Amino acid sequence: MENFAGFSSAVVPYWTDREKVVRWYGTNTDLEDRKRARVANGEVVFKLSGRMNAENIGELETLFSAEASLRRILLDSKDLTLVDQDIVSFLKCSEAKGIKFENCPAYIRQWIKQDKG
């Protein structure tokens, strides 16, 4: 995964049976969407969008630790489209630490409930 000019991009090939690439599929995540927003009650809202995987955990931990002692953290995951197992475990631990979720897609919520990590 490469980061350029405020976007995180990832691409994967679609292969034929003969091991020939016939199409590429990709995602672009606008990192500006992940910026912090402070609401009137003092909560810090992180807007999660696009695709997230283990590579994003360090960035989230840094952002959370910078705010955790000062304000309550809220994750708005309405635009989160794809997560891996590491992110599911991270989200479950974050929720156990008191971080609040809003607009969590149903399939991610189900995976968090099923996570044994």
C-alpha atoms as a PDB file:
ATOM      1  CA  MET A   1       0.000   0.000   0.000  1.00  0.00           C
ATOM      2  CA  GLU A   2       1.458   3.333  -1.069  1.00  0.00           C
ATOM      3  CA  ASN A   3       0.528   6.799   0.180  1.00  0.00           C
ATOM      4  CA  PHE A   4       0.554   9.783  -2.188  1.00  0.00           C
ATOM      5  CA  ALA A   5      -0.802  13.313  -1.829  1.00  0.00           C
ATOM      6  CA  GLY A   6      -3.380  12.569   0.823  1.00  0.00           C
ATOM      7  CA  PHE A   7      -4.606   9.282  -0.622  1.00  0.00           C
ATOM      8  CA  SER A   8      -3.925   5.688   0.325  1.00  0.00           C
ATOM      9  CA  SER A   9      -4.203   3.413  -2.708  1.00  0.00           C
ATOM     10  CA  ALA A  10      -4.253  -0.344  -3.153  1.00  0.00           C
ATOM     11  CA  VAL A  11      -4.703  -2.434  -6.296  1.00  0.00           C
ATOM     12  CA  VAL A  12      -5.165  -6.147  -6.916  1.00  0.00           C
ATOM     13  CA  PRO A  13      -5.222  -8.088 -10.171  1.00  0.00           C
ATOM     14  CA  TYR A  14      -8.068 -10.219 -11.484  1.00  0.00           C
ATOM     15  CA  TRP A  15      -6.557 -13.354 -13.025  1.00  0.00           C
ATOM     16  CA  THR A  16      -7.916 -15.731 -15.655  1.00  0.00           C
ATOM     17  CA  ASP A  17      -7.591 -19.494 -15.360  1.00  0.00           C
ATOM     18  CA  ARG A  18      -4.501 -19.216 -17.517  1.00  0.00           C
ATOM     19  CA  GLU A  19      -2.830 -16.903 -15.016  1.00  0.00           C
ATOM     20  CA  LYS A  20      -3.230 -13.827 -17.162  1.00  0.00           C
ATOM     21  CA  VAL A  21      -4.205 -10.483 -15.622  1.00  0.00           C
ATOM     22  CA  VAL A  22      -7.374  -9.316 -17.345  1.00  0.00           C
ATOM     23  CA  ARG A  23      -8.356  -6.432 -15.083  1.00  0.00           C
ATOM     24  CA  TRP A  24      -7.102  -4.480 -12.092  1.00  0.00           C
ATOM     25  CA  TYR A  25      -9.314  -3.497  -9.167  1.00  0.00           C
ATOM     26  CA  GLY A  26      -8.305  -0.753  -6.800  1.00  0.00           C
ATOM     27  CA  THR A  27      -9.335   1.435  -3.928  1.00  0.00           C
ATOM     28  CA  ASN A  28      -8.417   4.988  -3.057  1.00  0.00           C
ATOM     29  CA  THR A  29      -8.992   6.271   0.443  1.00  0.00           C
ATOM     30  CA  ASP A  30      -8.995  10.008   0.962  1.00  0.00           C
ATOM     31  CA  LEU A  31      -6.906  10.386   4.105  1.00  0.00           C
ATOM     32  CA  GLU A  32      -8.458  13.792   4.709  1.00  0.00           C
ATOM     33  CA  ASP A  33     -11.637  11.897   5.641  1.00  0.00           C
ATOM     34  CA  ARG A  34      -9.753  10.416   8.570  1.00  0.00           C
ATOM     35  CA  LYS A  35      -8.958  13.783  10.041  1.00  0.00           C
ATOM     36  CA  ARG A  36     -10.253  14.665  13.443  1.00  0.00           C
ATOM     37  CA  ALA A  37     -13.395  16.662  14.012  1.00  0.00           C
ATOM     38  CA  ARG A  38     -14.292  18.112  17.373  1.00  0.00           C
ATOM     39  CA  VAL A  39     -17.945  18.373  18.227  1.00  0.00           C
ATOM     40  CA  ALA A  40     -19.616  20.771  20.640  1.00  0.00           C
ATOM     41  CA  ASN A  41     -19.640  18.318  23.552  1.00  0.00           C
ATOM     42  CA  GLY A  42     -15.861  17.894  23.359  1.00  0.00           C
ATOM     43  CA  GLU A  43     -15.819  14.490  21.698  1.00  0.00           C
ATOM     44  CA  VAL A  44     -13.220  13.855  19.043  1.00  0.00           C
ATOM     45  CA  VAL A  45     -14.719  12.173  15.985  1.00  0.00           C
ATOM     46  CA  PHE A  46     -12.535  10.121  13.676  1.00  0.00           C
ATOM     47  CA  LYS A  47     -14.158   9.423  10.320  1.00  0.00           C
ATOM     48  CA  LEU A  48     -13.015   6.081   8.967  1.00  0.00           C
ATOM     49  CA  SER A  49     -13.473   5.437   5.282  1.00  0.00           C
ATOM     50  CA  GLY A  50     -12.443   3.097   2.533  1.00  0.00           C
ATOM     51  CA  ARG A  51     -10.327   0.054   3.171  1.00  0.00           C
ATOM     52  CA  MET A  52      -8.407  -0.462   6.418  1.00  0.00           C
ATOM     53  CA  ASN A  53      -5.891  -3.139   7.320  1.00  0.00           C
ATOM     54  CA  ALA A  54      -3.086  -3.867   9.777  1.00  0.00           C
ATOM     55  CA  GLU A  55      -0.950  -1.101   8.251  1.00  0.00           C
ATOM     56  CA  ASN A  56      -3.418   1.481   9.611  1.00  0.00           C
ATOM     57  CA  ILE A  57      -3.284   0.351  13.251  1.00  0.00           C
ATOM     58  CA  GLY A  58      -0.132   2.310  14.158  1.00  0.00           C
ATOM     59  CA  GLU A  59      -1.594   5.524  12.741  1.00  0.00           C
ATOM     60  CA  LEU A  60      -4.852   5.013  14.648  1.00  0.00           C
ATOM     61  CA  GLU A  61      -3.032   4.230  17.903  1.00  0.00           C
ATOM     62  CA  THR A  62      -1.011   7.437  17.544  1.00  0.00           C
ATOM     63  CA  LEU A  63      -4.126   9.513  16.880  1.00  0.00           C
ATOM     64  CA  PHE A  64      -6.042   7.901  19.747  1.00  0.00           C
ATOM     65  CA  SER A  65      -3.222   8.346  22.256  1.00  0.00           C
ATOM     66  CA  ALA A  66      -2.918  12.027  21.368  1.00  0.00           C
ATOM     67  CA  GLU A  67      -6.586  12.558  22.265  1.00  0.00           C
ATOM     68  CA  ALA A  68      -7.482   9.863  24.781  1.00  0.00           C
ATOM     69  CA  SER A  69      -6.524  11.702  27.948  1.00  0.00           C
ATOM     70  CA  LEU A  70      -8.262  14.908  26.890  1.00  0.00           C
ATOM     71  CA  ARG A  71     -11.528  13.929  25.239  1.00  0.00           C
ATOM     72  CA  ARG A  72     -13.842  11.055  24.544  1.00  0.00           C
ATOM     73  CA  ILE A  73     -13.185   9.388  21.183  1.00  0.00           C
ATOM     74  CA  LEU A  74     -15.915   8.480  18.729  1.00  0.00           C
ATOM     75  CA  LEU A  75     -15.362   6.483  15.526  1.00  0.00           C
ATOM     76  CA  ASP A  76     -17.722   7.193  12.649  1.00  0.00           C
ATOM     77  CA  SER A  77     -17.330   4.187  10.368  1.00  0.00           C
ATOM     78  CA  LYS A  78     -20.216   4.888   7.987  1.00  0.00           C
ATOM     79  CA  ASP A  79     -17.900   4.992   4.973  1.00  0.00           C
ATOM     80  CA  LEU A  80     -15.678   2.075   6.015  1.00  0.00           C
ATOM     81  CA  THR A  81     -15.917  -0.464   3.217  1.00  0.00           C
ATOM     82  CA  LEU A  82     -13.405  -3.230   3.893  1.00  0.00           C
ATOM     83  CA  VAL A  83     -11.431  -4.377   6.940  1.00  0.00           C
ATOM     84  CA  ASP A  84      -9.092  -7.256   7.713  1.00  0.00           C
ATOM     85  CA  GLN A  85      -8.933  -9.452  10.833  1.00  0.00           C
ATOM     86  CA  ASP A  86      -6.288  -7.239  12.473  1.00  0.00           C
ATOM     87  CA  ILE A  87      -8.537  -4.187  12.220  1.00  0.00           C
ATOM     88  CA  VAL A  88     -11.501  -6.165  13.591  1.00  0.00           C
ATOM     89  CA  SER A  89      -9.432  -7.169  16.643  1.00  0.00           C
ATOM     90  CA  PHE A  90      -8.166  -3.600  17.032  1.00  0.00           C
ATOM     91  CA  LEU A  91     -11.702  -2.190  16.873  1.00  0.00           C
ATOM     92  CA  LYS A  92     -12.908  -4.721  19.447  1.00  0.00           C
ATOM     93  CA  CYS A  93     -10.091  -3.753  21.848  1.00  0.00           C
ATOM     94  CA  SER A  94     -10.727  -0.059  21.239  1.00  0.00           C
ATOM     95  CA  GLU A  95     -14.402  -0.469  22.050  1.00  0.00           C
ATOM     96  CA  ALA A  96     -13.492  -2.322  25.258  1.00  0.00           C
ATOM     97  CA  LYS A  97     -11.338   0.698  26.207  1.00  0.00           C
ATOM     98  CA  GLY A  98     -14.373   2.992  25.905  1.00  0.00           C
ATOM     99  CA  ILE A  99     -14.087   4.247  22.350  1.00  0.00           C
ATOM    100  CA  LYS A 100     -17.577   4.700  20.960  1.00  0.00           C
ATOM    101  CA  PHE A 101     -18.650   3.545  17.479  1.00  0.00           C
ATOM    102  CA  GLU A 102     -21.249   5.177  15.266  1.00  0.00           C
ATOM    103  CA  ASN A 103     -22.614   3.970  11.955  1.00  0.00           C
ATOM    104  CA  CYS A 104     -20.703   0.689  12.123  1.00  0.00           C
ATOM    105  CA  PRO A 105     -21.606  -1.471   9.099  1.00  0.00           C
ATOM    106  CA  ALA A 106     -23.539  -4.558  10.204  1.00  0.00           C
ATOM    107  CA  TYR A 107     -21.015  -7.040   8.822  1.00  0.00           C
ATOM    108  CA  ILE A 108     -18.152  -5.360  10.714  1.00  0.00           C
ATOM    109  CA  ARG A 109     -20.237  -5.327  13.904  1.00  0.00           C
ATOM    110  CA  GLN A 110     -20.881  -9.067  13.438  1.00  0.00           C
ATOM    111  CA  TRP A 111     -17.170  -9.762  12.942  1.00  0.00           C
ATOM    112  CA  ILE A 112     -16.337  -7.802  16.105  1.00  0.00           C
ATOM    113  CA  LYS A 113     -18.839  -9.952  18.049  1.00  0.00           C
ATOM    114  CA  GLN A 114     -17.310 -13.137  16.633  1.00  0.00           C
ATOM    115  CA  ASP A 115     -13.686 -12.069  17.145  1.00  0.00           C
ATOM    116  CA  LYS A 116     -11.852 -14.251  19.632  1.00  0.00           C
ATOM    117  CA  GLY A 117      -8.759 -12.010  19.771  1.00  0.00           C
END
